[in-house]
Amino acid sequence: MRTVPGRASANELPIAVVETLPLWQLDIVELTGHNLESRGREEVNHLLEAGWRLLHIYTLKYEEDGVWRERPMGILGRLR
């Protein structure tokens, strides 16, 4: 987010305020999607510790070998 004098960037705002901002105002420079099941959770936790923000959680529904499966997924964004 370009800093305007007297205005905080998204990294400096409390999370409750950031959650109410439209996505385009966050000035995200990179996006990634990850599986939130146990094997993907460690990578997601590392990204969160590195300053990435969890933007969205959804359930991926897909068919595999004639069986419908569901997998929790997350979209994370890295702010400028």
PDB file of N, CA and C in Angstrom:
ATOM      1  N   MET A   1       0.847  -1.161   0.000  1.00  0.00           N
ATOM      2  CA  MET A   1       0.000   0.000   0.000  1.00  0.00           C
ATOM      3  C   MET A   1       0.888   1.217   0.000  1.00  0.00           C
ATOM      4  N   ARG A   2       0.656   2.133  -0.879  1.00  0.00           N
ATOM      5  CA  ARG A   2       1.425   3.360  -0.895  1.00  0.00           C
ATOM      6  C   ARG A   2       1.051   4.169   0.336  1.00  0.00           C
ATOM      7  N   THR A   3       2.058   4.639   1.034  1.00  0.00           N
ATOM      8  CA  THR A   3       1.803   5.368   2.260  1.00  0.00           C
ATOM      9  C   THR A   3       1.474   6.814   1.952  1.00  0.00           C
ATOM     10  N   VAL A   4       0.363   7.256   2.462  1.00  0.00           N
ATOM     11  CA  VAL A   4      -0.062   8.642   2.342  1.00  0.00           C
ATOM     12  C   VAL A   4       0.259   9.300   3.671  1.00  0.00           C
ATOM     13  N   PRO A   5       0.831  10.511   3.667  1.00  0.00           N
ATOM     14  CA  PRO A   5       1.142  11.148   4.949  1.00  0.00           C
ATOM     15  C   PRO A   5      -0.073  11.146   5.874  1.00  0.00           C
ATOM     16  N   GLY A   6       0.160  10.720   7.121  1.00  0.00           N
ATOM     17  CA  GLY A   6      -0.918  10.671   8.100  1.00  0.00           C
ATOM     18  C   GLY A   6      -1.810   9.449   7.993  1.00  0.00           C
ATOM     19  N   ARG A   7      -1.481   8.527   7.094  1.00  0.00           N
ATOM     20  CA  ARG A   7      -2.289   7.329   6.900  1.00  0.00           C
ATOM     21  C   ARG A   7      -1.410   6.092   7.028  1.00  0.00           C
ATOM     22  N   ALA A   8      -1.858   5.088   7.785  1.00  0.00           N
ATOM     23  CA  ALA A   8      -1.078   3.874   8.030  1.00  0.00           C
ATOM     24  C   ALA A   8      -1.180   2.908   6.861  1.00  0.00           C
ATOM     25  N   SER A   9      -0.131   2.100   6.677  1.00  0.00           N
ATOM     26  CA  SER A   9      -0.187   1.038   5.674  1.00  0.00           C
ATOM     27  C   SER A   9      -0.950  -0.144   6.261  1.00  0.00           C
ATOM     28  N   ALA A  10      -1.329  -1.105   5.428  1.00  0.00           N
ATOM     29  CA  ALA A  10      -2.082  -2.280   5.890  1.00  0.00           C
ATOM     30  C   ALA A  10      -1.295  -3.074   6.929  1.00  0.00           C
ATOM     31  N   ASN A  11       0.035  -3.083   6.837  1.00  0.00           N
ATOM     32  CA  ASN A  11       0.854  -3.803   7.827  1.00  0.00           C
ATOM     33  C   ASN A  11       0.800  -3.163   9.202  1.00  0.00           C
ATOM     34  N   GLU A  12       0.512  -1.866   9.268  1.00  0.00           N
ATOM     35  CA  GLU A  12       0.497  -1.145  10.541  1.00  0.00           C
ATOM     36  C   GLU A  12      -0.878  -1.104  11.184  1.00  0.00           C
ATOM     37  N   LEU A  13      -1.920  -1.500  10.447  1.00  0.00           N
ATOM     38  CA  LEU A  13      -3.283  -1.441  10.960  1.00  0.00           C
ATOM     39  C   LEU A  13      -3.617  -2.666  11.796  1.00  0.00           C
ATOM     40  N   PRO A  14      -4.481  -2.509  12.803  1.00  0.00           N
ATOM     41  CA  PRO A  14      -4.947  -3.689  13.553  1.00  0.00           C
ATOM     42  C   PRO A  14      -5.678  -4.648  12.613  1.00  0.00           C
ATOM     43  N   ILE A  15      -5.601  -5.940  12.898  1.00  0.00           N
ATOM     44  CA  ILE A  15      -6.197  -6.955  12.026  1.00  0.00           C
ATOM     45  C   ILE A  15      -7.696  -6.731  11.845  1.00  0.00           C
ATOM     46  N   ALA A  16      -8.383  -6.237  12.877  1.00  0.00           N
ATOM     47  CA  ALA A  16      -9.826  -5.992  12.762  1.00  0.00           C
ATOM     48  C   ALA A  16     -10.116  -4.944  11.696  1.00  0.00           C
ATOM     49  N   VAL A  17      -9.230  -3.977  11.535  1.00  0.00           N
ATOM     50  CA  VAL A  17      -9.408  -2.949  10.506  1.00  0.00           C
ATOM     51  C   VAL A  17      -9.064  -3.519   9.138  1.00  0.00           C
ATOM     52  N   VAL A  18      -7.972  -4.267   9.054  1.00  0.00           N
ATOM     53  CA  VAL A  18      -7.542  -4.859   7.779  1.00  0.00           C
ATOM     54  C   VAL A  18      -8.631  -5.777   7.227  1.00  0.00           C
ATOM     55  N   GLU A  19      -9.314  -6.516   8.110  1.00  0.00           N
ATOM     56  CA  GLU A  19     -10.361  -7.439   7.665  1.00  0.00           C
ATOM     57  C   GLU A  19     -11.520  -6.729   6.985  1.00  0.00           C
ATOM     58  N   THR A  20     -11.725  -5.461   7.264  1.00  0.00           N
ATOM     59  CA  THR A  20     -12.849  -4.727   6.673  1.00  0.00           C
ATOM     60  C   THR A  20     -12.477  -4.016   5.381  1.00  0.00           C
ATOM     61  N   LEU A  21     -11.196  -3.972   5.050  1.00  0.00           N
ATOM     62  CA  LEU A  21     -10.765  -3.296   3.829  1.00  0.00           C
ATOM     63  C   LEU A  21     -11.071  -4.144   2.597  1.00  0.00           C
ATOM     64  N   PRO A  22     -11.437  -3.501   1.479  1.00  0.00           N
ATOM     65  CA  PRO A  22     -11.565  -4.261   0.231  1.00  0.00           C
ATOM     66  C   PRO A  22     -10.200  -4.847  -0.139  1.00  0.00           C
ATOM     67  N   LEU A  23     -10.204  -6.013  -0.751  1.00  0.00           N
ATOM     68  CA  LEU A  23      -8.975  -6.721  -1.088  1.00  0.00           C
ATOM     69  C   LEU A  23      -7.996  -5.854  -1.877  1.00  0.00           C
ATOM     70  N   TRP A  24      -8.500  -5.041  -2.805  1.00  0.00           N
ATOM     71  CA  TRP A  24      -7.614  -4.229  -3.642  1.00  0.00           C
ATOM     72  C   TRP A  24      -6.876  -3.167  -2.840  1.00  0.00           C
ATOM     73  N   GLN A  25      -7.354  -2.817  -1.638  1.00  0.00           N
ATOM     74  CA  GLN A  25      -6.679  -1.799  -0.832  1.00  0.00           C
ATOM     75  C   GLN A  25      -5.537  -2.365   0.004  1.00  0.00           C
ATOM     76  N   LEU A  26      -5.379  -3.656   0.038  1.00  0.00           N
ATOM     77  CA  LEU A  26      -4.330  -4.263   0.851  1.00  0.00           C
ATOM     78  C   LEU A  26      -2.957  -4.207   0.191  1.00  0.00           C
ATOM     79  N   ASP A  27      -2.894  -3.899  -1.110  1.00  0.00           N
ATOM     80  CA  ASP A  27      -1.636  -3.819  -1.842  1.00  0.00           C
ATOM     81  C   ASP A  27      -0.870  -5.138  -1.747  1.00  0.00           C
ATOM     82  N   ILE A  28      -1.528  -6.200  -2.146  1.00  0.00           N
ATOM     83  CA  ILE A  28      -0.945  -7.542  -2.118  1.00  0.00           C
ATOM     84  C   ILE A  28      -0.046  -7.726  -3.329  1.00  0.00           C
ATOM     85  N   VAL A  29       1.164  -8.225  -3.091  1.00  0.00           N
ATOM     86  CA  VAL A  29       2.114  -8.413  -4.186  1.00  0.00           C
ATOM     87  C   VAL A  29       2.248  -9.870  -4.616  1.00  0.00           C
ATOM     88  N   GLU A  30       1.760 -10.795  -3.781  1.00  0.00           N
ATOM     89  CA  GLU A  30       1.871 -12.211  -4.115  1.00  0.00           C
ATOM     90  C   GLU A  30       0.743 -12.985  -3.443  1.00  0.00           C
ATOM     91  N   LEU A  31       0.185 -13.949  -4.148  1.00  0.00           N
ATOM     92  CA  LEU A  31      -0.862 -14.822  -3.611  1.00  0.00           C
ATOM     93  C   LEU A  31      -0.406 -16.270  -3.685  1.00  0.00           C
ATOM     94  N   THR A  32      -0.905 -17.075  -2.758  1.00  0.00           N
ATOM     95  CA  THR A  32      -0.644 -18.504  -2.807  1.00  0.00           C
ATOM     96  C   THR A  32      -1.825 -19.239  -2.180  1.00  0.00           C
ATOM     97  N   GLY A  33      -2.081 -20.428  -2.642  1.00  0.00           N
ATOM     98  CA  GLY A  33      -3.127 -21.259  -2.078  1.00  0.00           C
ATOM     99  C   GLY A  33      -2.516 -22.511  -1.482  1.00  0.00           C
ATOM    100  N   HIS A  34      -3.037 -22.932  -0.332  1.00  0.00           N
ATOM    101  CA  HIS A  34      -2.474 -24.113   0.328  1.00  0.00           C
ATOM    102  C   HIS A  34      -3.561 -24.973   0.940  1.00  0.00           C
ATOM    103  N   ASN A  35      -3.279 -26.250   0.985  1.00  0.00           N
ATOM    104  CA  ASN A  35      -4.104 -27.224   1.660  1.00  0.00           C
ATOM    105  C   ASN A  35      -3.993 -26.962   3.170  1.00  0.00           C
ATOM    106  N   LEU A  36      -5.114 -26.953   3.871  1.00  0.00           N
ATOM    107  CA  LEU A  36      -5.089 -26.703   5.314  1.00  0.00           C
ATOM    108  C   LEU A  36      -5.159 -27.980   6.146  1.00  0.00           C
ATOM    109  N   GLU A  37      -5.104 -29.126   5.471  1.00  0.00           N
ATOM    110  CA  GLU A  37      -5.051 -30.380   6.217  1.00  0.00           C
ATOM    111  C   GLU A  37      -3.680 -30.485   6.870  1.00  0.00           C
ATOM    112  N   SER A  38      -3.504 -31.462   7.725  1.00  0.00           N
ATOM    113  CA  SER A  38      -2.299 -31.552   8.555  1.00  0.00           C
ATOM    114  C   SER A  38      -1.001 -31.430   7.763  1.00  0.00           C
ATOM    115  N   ARG A  39      -0.915 -32.026   6.590  1.00  0.00           N
ATOM    116  CA  ARG A  39       0.351 -31.988   5.852  1.00  0.00           C
ATOM    117  C   ARG A  39       0.651 -30.616   5.242  1.00  0.00           C
ATOM    118  N   GLY A  40      -0.352 -29.778   5.052  1.00  0.00           N
ATOM    119  CA  GLY A  40      -0.119 -28.439   4.509  1.00  0.00           C
ATOM    120  C   GLY A  40      -0.096 -27.357   5.561  1.00  0.00           C
ATOM    121  N   ARG A  41      -0.543 -27.677   6.752  1.00  0.00           N
ATOM    122  CA  ARG A  41      -0.670 -26.690   7.823  1.00  0.00           C
ATOM    123  C   ARG A  41       0.668 -26.106   8.250  1.00  0.00           C
ATOM    124  N   GLU A  42       1.717 -26.926   8.267  1.00  0.00           N
ATOM    125  CA  GLU A  42       3.030 -26.441   8.681  1.00  0.00           C
ATOM    126  C   GLU A  42       3.519 -25.323   7.758  1.00  0.00           C
ATOM    127  N   GLU A  43       3.367 -25.515   6.460  1.00  0.00           N
ATOM    128  CA  GLU A  43       3.775 -24.485   5.489  1.00  0.00           C
ATOM    129  C   GLU A  43       2.945 -23.212   5.678  1.00  0.00           C
ATOM    130  N   VAL A  44       1.651 -23.357   5.900  1.00  0.00           N
ATOM    131  CA  VAL A  44       0.781 -22.192   6.117  1.00  0.00           C
ATOM    132  C   VAL A  44       1.221 -21.453   7.378  1.00  0.00           C
ATOM    133  N   ASN A  45       1.531 -22.175   8.429  1.00  0.00           N
ATOM    134  CA  ASN A  45       1.989 -21.536   9.667  1.00  0.00           C
ATOM    135  C   ASN A  45       3.294 -20.768   9.451  1.00  0.00           C
ATOM    136  N   HIS A  46       4.204 -21.308   8.656  1.00  0.00           N
ATOM    137  CA  HIS A  46       5.453 -20.600   8.348  1.00  0.00           C
ATOM    138  C   HIS A  46       5.167 -19.316   7.588  1.00  0.00           C
ATOM    139  N   LEU A  47       4.250 -19.378   6.631  1.00  0.00           N
ATOM    140  CA  LEU A  47       3.904 -18.175   5.870  1.00  0.00           C
ATOM    141  C   LEU A  47       3.281 -17.111   6.773  1.00  0.00           C
ATOM    142  N   LEU A  48       2.395 -17.524   7.660  1.00  0.00           N
ATOM    143  CA  LEU A  48       1.771 -16.577   8.583  1.00  0.00           C
ATOM    144  C   LEU A  48       2.809 -15.939   9.496  1.00  0.00           C
ATOM    145  N   GLU A  49       3.752 -16.724   9.980  1.00  0.00           N
ATOM    146  CA  GLU A  49       4.824 -16.184  10.823  1.00  0.00           C
ATOM    147  C   GLU A  49       5.706 -15.209  10.049  1.00  0.00           C
ATOM    148  N   ALA A  50       5.809 -15.391   8.739  1.00  0.00           N
ATOM    149  CA  ALA A  50       6.622 -14.514   7.895  1.00  0.00           C
ATOM    150  C   ALA A  50       5.868 -13.256   7.465  1.00  0.00           C
ATOM    151  N   GLY A  51       4.643 -13.079   7.957  1.00  0.00           N
ATOM    152  CA  GLY A  51       3.912 -11.850   7.659  1.00  0.00           C
ATOM    153  C   GLY A  51       2.830 -11.953   6.608  1.00  0.00           C
ATOM    154  N   TRP A  52       2.622 -13.136   6.043  1.00  0.00           N
ATOM    155  CA  TRP A  52       1.545 -13.317   5.080  1.00  0.00           C
ATOM    156  C   TRP A  52       0.214 -13.205   5.823  1.00  0.00           C
ATOM    157  N   ARG A  53      -0.841 -12.842   5.114  1.00  0.00           N
ATOM    158  CA  ARG A  53      -2.181 -12.729   5.698  1.00  0.00           C
ATOM    159  C   ARG A  53      -3.083 -13.799   5.107  1.00  0.00           C
ATOM    160  N   LEU A  54      -3.885 -14.432   5.956  1.00  0.00           N
ATOM    161  CA  LEU A  54      -4.876 -15.398   5.499  1.00  0.00           C
ATOM    162  C   LEU A  54      -6.060 -14.610   4.970  1.00  0.00           C
ATOM    163  N   LEU A  55      -6.337 -14.732   3.679  1.00  0.00           N
ATOM    164  CA  LEU A  55      -7.367 -13.928   3.035  1.00  0.00           C
ATOM    165  C   LEU A  55      -8.707 -14.646   2.915  1.00  0.00           C
ATOM    166  N   HIS A  56      -8.646 -15.965   2.737  1.00  0.00           N
ATOM    167  CA  HIS A  56      -9.895 -16.688   2.493  1.00  0.00           C
ATOM    168  C   HIS A  56      -9.695 -18.173   2.785  1.00  0.00           C
ATOM    169  N   ILE A  57     -10.724 -18.791   3.364  1.00  0.00           N
ATOM    170  CA  ILE A  57     -10.743 -20.231   3.576  1.00  0.00           C
ATOM    171  C   ILE A  57     -11.954 -20.779   2.844  1.00  0.00           C
ATOM    172  N   TYR A  58     -11.759 -21.873   2.122  1.00  0.00           N
ATOM    173  CA  TYR A  58     -12.862 -22.483   1.382  1.00  0.00           C
ATOM    174  C   TYR A  58     -12.682 -23.989   1.346  1.00  0.00           C
ATOM    175  N   THR A  59     -13.709 -24.679   0.919  1.00  0.00           N
ATOM    176  CA  THR A  59     -13.655 -26.133   0.783  1.00  0.00           C
ATOM    177  C   THR A  59     -13.565 -26.487  -0.692  1.00  0.00           C
ATOM    178  N   LEU A  60     -12.500 -27.150  -1.071  1.00  0.00           N
ATOM    179  CA  LEU A  60     -12.321 -27.633  -2.431  1.00  0.00           C
ATOM    180  C   LEU A  60     -13.051 -28.963  -2.557  1.00  0.00           C
ATOM    181  N   LYS A  61     -13.966 -29.041  -3.480  1.00  0.00           N
ATOM    182  CA  LYS A  61     -14.706 -30.287  -3.711  1.00  0.00           C
ATOM    183  C   LYS A  61     -14.284 -30.832  -5.066  1.00  0.00           C
ATOM    184  N   TYR A  62     -13.873 -32.085  -5.083  1.00  0.00           N
ATOM    185  CA  TYR A  62     -13.388 -32.674  -6.330  1.00  0.00           C
ATOM    186  C   TYR A  62     -13.726 -34.162  -6.353  1.00  0.00           C
ATOM    187  N   GLU A  63     -13.760 -34.688  -7.576  1.00  0.00           N
ATOM    188  CA  GLU A  63     -14.044 -36.114  -7.754  1.00  0.00           C
ATOM    189  C   GLU A  63     -12.742 -36.845  -8.032  1.00  0.00           C
ATOM    190  N   GLU A  64     -12.540 -37.953  -7.318  1.00  0.00           N
ATOM    191  CA  GLU A  64     -11.346 -38.765  -7.509  1.00  0.00           C
ATOM    192  C   GLU A  64     -11.763 -40.224  -7.501  1.00  0.00           C
ATOM    193  N   ASP A  65     -11.523 -40.898  -8.607  1.00  0.00           N
ATOM    194  CA  ASP A  65     -11.877 -42.312  -8.744  1.00  0.00           C
ATOM    195  C   ASP A  65     -13.362 -42.569  -8.448  1.00  0.00           C
ATOM    196  N   GLY A  66     -14.206 -41.669  -8.916  1.00  0.00           N
ATOM    197  CA  GLY A  66     -15.648 -41.839  -8.738  1.00  0.00           C
ATOM    198  C   GLY A  66     -16.175 -41.477  -7.368  1.00  0.00           C
ATOM    199  N   VAL A  67     -15.298 -40.958  -6.496  1.00  0.00           N
ATOM    200  CA  VAL A  67     -15.699 -40.568  -5.144  1.00  0.00           C
ATOM    201  C   VAL A  67     -15.505 -39.060  -4.990  1.00  0.00           C
ATOM    202  N   TRP A  68     -16.545 -38.374  -4.479  1.00  0.00           N
ATOM    203  CA  TRP A  68     -16.429 -36.943  -4.228  1.00  0.00           C
ATOM    204  C   TRP A  68     -15.717 -36.726  -2.901  1.00  0.00           C
ATOM    205  N   ARG A  69     -14.716 -35.866  -2.934  1.00  0.00           N
ATOM    206  CA  ARG A  69     -13.916 -35.574  -1.739  1.00  0.00           C
ATOM    207  C   ARG A  69     -13.950 -34.081  -1.458  1.00  0.00           C
ATOM    208  N   GLU A  70     -13.620 -33.732  -0.226  1.00  0.00           N
ATOM    209  CA  GLU A  70     -13.551 -32.334   0.186  1.00  0.00           C
ATOM    210  C   GLU A  70     -12.219 -32.088   0.877  1.00  0.00           C
ATOM    211  N   ARG A  71     -11.637 -30.933   0.608  1.00  0.00           N
ATOM    212  CA  ARG A  71     -10.354 -30.585   1.205  1.00  0.00           C
ATOM    213  C   ARG A  71     -10.383 -29.106   1.601  1.00  0.00           C
ATOM    214  N   PRO A  72     -10.064 -28.782   2.866  1.00  0.00           N
ATOM    215  CA  PRO A  72     -10.026 -27.373   3.277  1.00  0.00           C
ATOM    216  C   PRO A  72      -8.817 -26.690   2.658  1.00  0.00           C
ATOM    217  N   MET A  73      -9.040 -25.514   2.098  1.00  0.00           N
ATOM    218  CA  MET A  73      -7.981 -24.763   1.429  1.00  0.00           C
ATOM    219  C   MET A  73      -7.956 -23.336   1.955  1.00  0.00           C
ATOM    220  N   GLY A  74      -6.791 -22.705   1.848  1.00  0.00           N
ATOM    221  CA  GLY A  74      -6.656 -21.320   2.244  1.00  0.00           C
ATOM    222  C   GLY A  74      -5.924 -20.525   1.179  1.00  0.00           C
ATOM    223  N   ILE A  75      -6.306 -19.275   1.020  1.00  0.00           N
ATOM    224  CA  ILE A  75      -5.607 -18.360   0.130  1.00  0.00           C
ATOM    225  C   ILE A  75      -4.915 -17.335   1.013  1.00  0.00           C
ATOM    226  N   LEU A  76      -3.614 -17.194   0.796  1.00  0.00           N
ATOM    227  CA  LEU A  76      -2.814 -16.247   1.584  1.00  0.00           C
ATOM    228  C   LEU A  76      -2.225 -15.181   0.665  1.00  0.00           C
ATOM    229  N   GLY A  77      -2.038 -14.005   1.193  1.00  0.00           N
ATOM    230  CA  GLY A  77      -1.460 -12.918   0.433  1.00  0.00           C
ATOM    231  C   GLY A  77      -0.298 -12.273   1.177  1.00  0.00           C
ATOM    232  N   ARG A  78       0.710 -11.896   0.420  1.00  0.00           N
ATOM    233  CA  ARG A  78       1.867 -11.183   1.002  1.00  0.00           C
ATOM    234  C   ARG A  78       1.727  -9.710   0.664  1.00  0.00           C
ATOM    235  N   LEU A  79       1.720  -8.878   1.704  1.00  0.00           N
ATOM    236  CA  LEU A  79       1.584  -7.444   1.513  1.00  0.00           C
ATOM    237  C   LEU A  79       2.910  -6.841   1.119  1.00  0.00           C
ATOM    238  N   ARG A  80       2.839  -5.732   0.416  1.00  0.00           N
ATOM    239  CA  ARG A  80       4.054  -5.018   0.002  1.00  0.00           C
ATOM    240  C   ARG A  80       4.846  -4.595   1.213  1.00  0.00           C
TER     241      ARG A  80
END
